[in-house]
Amino acid sequence: MYRNLEAELRRKGITRAKLAEALGINIATVSEKLTKPNRLWLYEALEIQRIYFPDMEISYLFEQEQVSA
């Protein structure tokens, strides 16, 4: 769902387990939040950006793919 975020996580070697730990949730929940639309809360996105990507724009990290009908 968040193609840019996924790419940046891979570049930095940040696992979903690390995200889960930072957000205080389990890995399955992180996976669901990153793959299903409208599951990620704003405060969670801001926390991911603050901790792991302070030099990147949140709009870039969480840009959603356009789904064609």
N, C-alpha and C. Protein backbone atom coordinates (compact mmCIF):
# COMPACT_ATOMS: atom_id res chain seq x y z
N MET A 1 0.82 -1.19 0.00
CA MET A 1 0.00 0.00 0.00
C MET A 1 0.87 1.26 0.00
N TYR A 2 1.87 1.31 0.85
CA TYR A 2 2.76 2.47 0.92
C TYR A 2 4.10 2.10 0.28
N ARG A 3 4.14 2.16 -1.02
CA ARG A 3 5.30 1.72 -1.79
C ARG A 3 6.58 2.44 -1.37
N ASN A 4 6.53 3.75 -1.18
CA ASN A 4 7.72 4.51 -0.81
C ASN A 4 8.21 4.11 0.58
N LEU A 5 7.31 3.97 1.51
CA LEU A 5 7.69 3.55 2.86
C LEU A 5 8.35 2.18 2.83
N GLU A 6 7.74 1.25 2.13
CA GLU A 6 8.29 -0.11 2.04
C GLU A 6 9.71 -0.07 1.46
N ALA A 7 9.93 0.73 0.42
CA ALA A 7 11.26 0.84 -0.19
C ALA A 7 12.27 1.42 0.79
N GLU A 8 11.88 2.45 1.51
CA GLU A 8 12.79 3.09 2.47
C GLU A 8 13.08 2.17 3.65
N LEU A 9 12.09 1.42 4.09
CA LEU A 9 12.32 0.45 5.17
C LEU A 9 13.35 -0.59 4.72
N ARG A 10 13.21 -1.10 3.50
CA ARG A 10 14.18 -2.08 2.98
C ARG A 10 15.58 -1.47 2.89
N ARG A 11 15.67 -0.23 2.40
CA ARG A 11 16.99 0.42 2.27
C ARG A 11 17.70 0.53 3.61
N LYS A 12 16.94 0.79 4.67
CA LYS A 12 17.53 0.97 6.00
C LYS A 12 17.56 -0.32 6.82
N GLY A 13 17.01 -1.40 6.26
CA GLY A 13 17.00 -2.67 6.98
C GLY A 13 16.08 -2.68 8.18
N ILE A 14 15.01 -1.90 8.11
CA ILE A 14 14.05 -1.83 9.22
C ILE A 14 12.95 -2.86 8.97
N THR A 15 12.80 -3.76 9.91
CA THR A 15 11.82 -4.83 9.78
C THR A 15 10.46 -4.41 10.35
N ARG A 16 9.47 -5.18 10.02
CA ARG A 16 8.14 -4.93 10.61
C ARG A 16 8.17 -5.19 12.11
N ALA A 17 9.05 -6.07 12.54
CA ALA A 17 9.20 -6.31 13.98
C ALA A 17 9.70 -5.06 14.69
N LYS A 18 10.64 -4.35 14.07
CA LYS A 18 11.13 -3.10 14.65
C LYS A 18 10.03 -2.04 14.68
N LEU A 19 9.24 -1.97 13.61
CA LEU A 19 8.12 -1.02 13.60
C LEU A 19 7.12 -1.37 14.70
N ALA A 20 6.82 -2.65 14.83
CA ALA A 20 5.87 -3.09 15.85
C ALA A 20 6.35 -2.70 17.24
N GLU A 21 7.62 -2.91 17.50
CA GLU A 21 8.18 -2.55 18.80
C GLU A 21 8.09 -1.04 19.04
N ALA A 22 8.42 -0.25 18.03
CA ALA A 22 8.38 1.21 18.17
C ALA A 22 6.96 1.72 18.41
N LEU A 23 5.99 1.06 17.79
CA LEU A 23 4.59 1.51 17.92
C LEU A 23 3.86 0.83 19.08
N GLY A 24 4.48 -0.18 19.67
CA GLY A 24 3.85 -0.88 20.78
C GLY A 24 2.68 -1.76 20.36
N ILE A 25 2.79 -2.34 19.16
CA ILE A 25 1.76 -3.24 18.65
C ILE A 25 2.44 -4.49 18.12
N ASN A 26 1.65 -5.52 17.77
CA ASN A 26 2.27 -6.75 17.29
C ASN A 26 2.55 -6.69 15.79
N ILE A 27 3.36 -7.62 15.32
CA ILE A 27 3.81 -7.63 13.93
C ILE A 27 2.63 -7.81 12.98
N ALA A 28 1.69 -8.66 13.31
CA ALA A 28 0.53 -8.88 12.44
C ALA A 28 -0.26 -7.59 12.25
N THR A 29 -0.38 -6.82 13.31
CA THR A 29 -1.10 -5.55 13.23
C THR A 29 -0.35 -4.56 12.34
N VAL A 30 0.97 -4.52 12.47
CA VAL A 30 1.77 -3.66 11.60
C VAL A 30 1.56 -4.05 10.14
N SER A 31 1.64 -5.33 9.86
CA SER A 31 1.45 -5.80 8.48
C SER A 31 0.09 -5.40 7.93
N GLU A 32 -0.93 -5.55 8.76
CA GLU A 32 -2.27 -5.17 8.34
C GLU A 32 -2.37 -3.66 8.08
N LYS A 33 -1.79 -2.87 8.95
CA LYS A 33 -1.84 -1.42 8.81
C LYS A 33 -1.10 -0.94 7.57
N LEU A 34 -0.05 -1.65 7.17
CA LEU A 34 0.73 -1.22 6.02
C LEU A 34 0.17 -1.74 4.69
N THR A 35 -0.72 -2.72 4.74
CA THR A 35 -1.22 -3.29 3.49
C THR A 35 -2.69 -3.01 3.21
N LYS A 36 -3.45 -2.65 4.22
CA LYS A 36 -4.87 -2.38 4.01
C LYS A 36 -5.14 -0.88 4.08
N PRO A 37 -5.97 -0.39 3.18
CA PRO A 37 -6.24 1.06 3.17
C PRO A 37 -6.91 1.54 4.45
N ASN A 38 -6.54 2.75 4.85
CA ASN A 38 -7.15 3.46 5.97
C ASN A 38 -7.03 2.75 7.32
N ARG A 39 -5.99 1.95 7.49
CA ARG A 39 -5.79 1.26 8.77
C ARG A 39 -4.77 1.96 9.66
N LEU A 40 -3.87 2.72 9.04
CA LEU A 40 -2.80 3.39 9.78
C LEU A 40 -3.30 4.72 10.31
N TRP A 41 -3.14 4.92 11.61
CA TRP A 41 -3.55 6.18 12.23
C TRP A 41 -2.49 7.25 11.96
N LEU A 42 -2.90 8.50 11.94
CA LEU A 42 -1.98 9.60 11.69
C LEU A 42 -0.85 9.61 12.71
N TYR A 43 -1.16 9.43 13.98
CA TYR A 43 -0.10 9.47 15.00
C TYR A 43 0.92 8.35 14.77
N GLU A 44 0.49 7.21 14.22
CA GLU A 44 1.41 6.12 13.94
C GLU A 44 2.34 6.49 12.77
N ALA A 45 1.77 7.09 11.74
CA ALA A 45 2.58 7.53 10.61
C ALA A 45 3.59 8.58 11.06
N LEU A 46 3.16 9.51 11.88
CA LEU A 46 4.06 10.54 12.38
C LEU A 46 5.17 9.95 13.23
N GLU A 47 4.85 8.95 14.01
CA GLU A 47 5.84 8.30 14.86
C GLU A 47 6.88 7.55 14.01
N ILE A 48 6.43 6.85 12.99
CA ILE A 48 7.36 6.16 12.08
C ILE A 48 8.29 7.17 11.42
N GLN A 49 7.72 8.24 10.93
CA GLN A 49 8.52 9.28 10.28
C GLN A 49 9.50 9.90 11.26
N ARG A 50 9.06 10.21 12.47
CA ARG A 50 9.92 10.85 13.47
C ARG A 50 11.08 9.96 13.88
N ILE A 51 10.82 8.69 14.11
CA ILE A 51 11.84 7.77 14.60
C ILE A 51 12.82 7.36 13.50
N TYR A 52 12.29 6.97 12.36
CA TYR A 52 13.12 6.34 11.34
C TYR A 52 13.49 7.23 10.15
N PHE A 53 12.66 8.22 9.84
CA PHE A 53 12.88 9.02 8.63
C PHE A 53 12.70 10.51 8.88
N PRO A 54 13.39 11.08 9.85
CA PRO A 54 13.17 12.49 10.17
C PRO A 54 13.55 13.45 9.05
N ASP A 55 14.36 12.97 8.12
CA ASP A 55 14.80 13.81 7.01
C ASP A 55 13.90 13.69 5.77
N MET A 56 12.83 12.90 5.86
CA MET A 56 11.94 12.69 4.72
C MET A 56 10.55 13.27 4.99
N GLU A 57 9.92 13.71 3.93
CA GLU A 57 8.57 14.25 4.03
C GLU A 57 7.57 13.12 4.28
N ILE A 58 6.66 13.34 5.18
CA ILE A 58 5.65 12.33 5.47
C ILE A 58 4.76 12.07 4.26
N SER A 59 4.53 13.10 3.46
CA SER A 59 3.70 12.93 2.26
C SER A 59 4.36 11.99 1.26
N TYR A 60 5.68 11.99 1.21
CA TYR A 60 6.41 11.05 0.34
C TYR A 60 6.31 9.63 0.90
N LEU A 61 6.61 9.47 2.17
CA LEU A 61 6.62 8.14 2.78
C LEU A 61 5.28 7.43 2.68
N PHE A 62 4.21 8.17 2.89
CA PHE A 62 2.89 7.55 2.98
C PHE A 62 2.01 7.85 1.78
N GLU A 63 2.64 8.16 0.66
CA GLU A 63 1.89 8.35 -0.57
C GLU A 63 1.26 7.01 -0.96
N GLN A 64 -0.03 7.02 -1.18
CA GLN A 64 -0.73 5.79 -1.51
C GLN A 64 -0.75 5.57 -3.01
N GLU A 65 -0.68 4.31 -3.39
CA GLU A 65 -0.77 3.94 -4.79
C GLU A 65 -2.16 4.23 -5.30
N GLN A 66 -2.24 4.67 -6.54
CA GLN A 66 -3.54 4.91 -7.15
C GLN A 66 -4.08 3.57 -7.64
N VAL A 67 -5.29 3.25 -7.22
CA VAL A 67 -5.92 2.00 -7.62
C VAL A 67 -6.87 2.31 -8.76
N SER A 68 -6.65 1.65 -9.88
CA SER A 68 -7.53 1.89 -11.03
C SER A 68 -8.74 0.97 -10.94
N ALA A 69 -9.85 1.50 -11.37
CA ALA A 69 -11.11 0.74 -11.27
C ALA A 69 -11.34 -0.14 -12.45
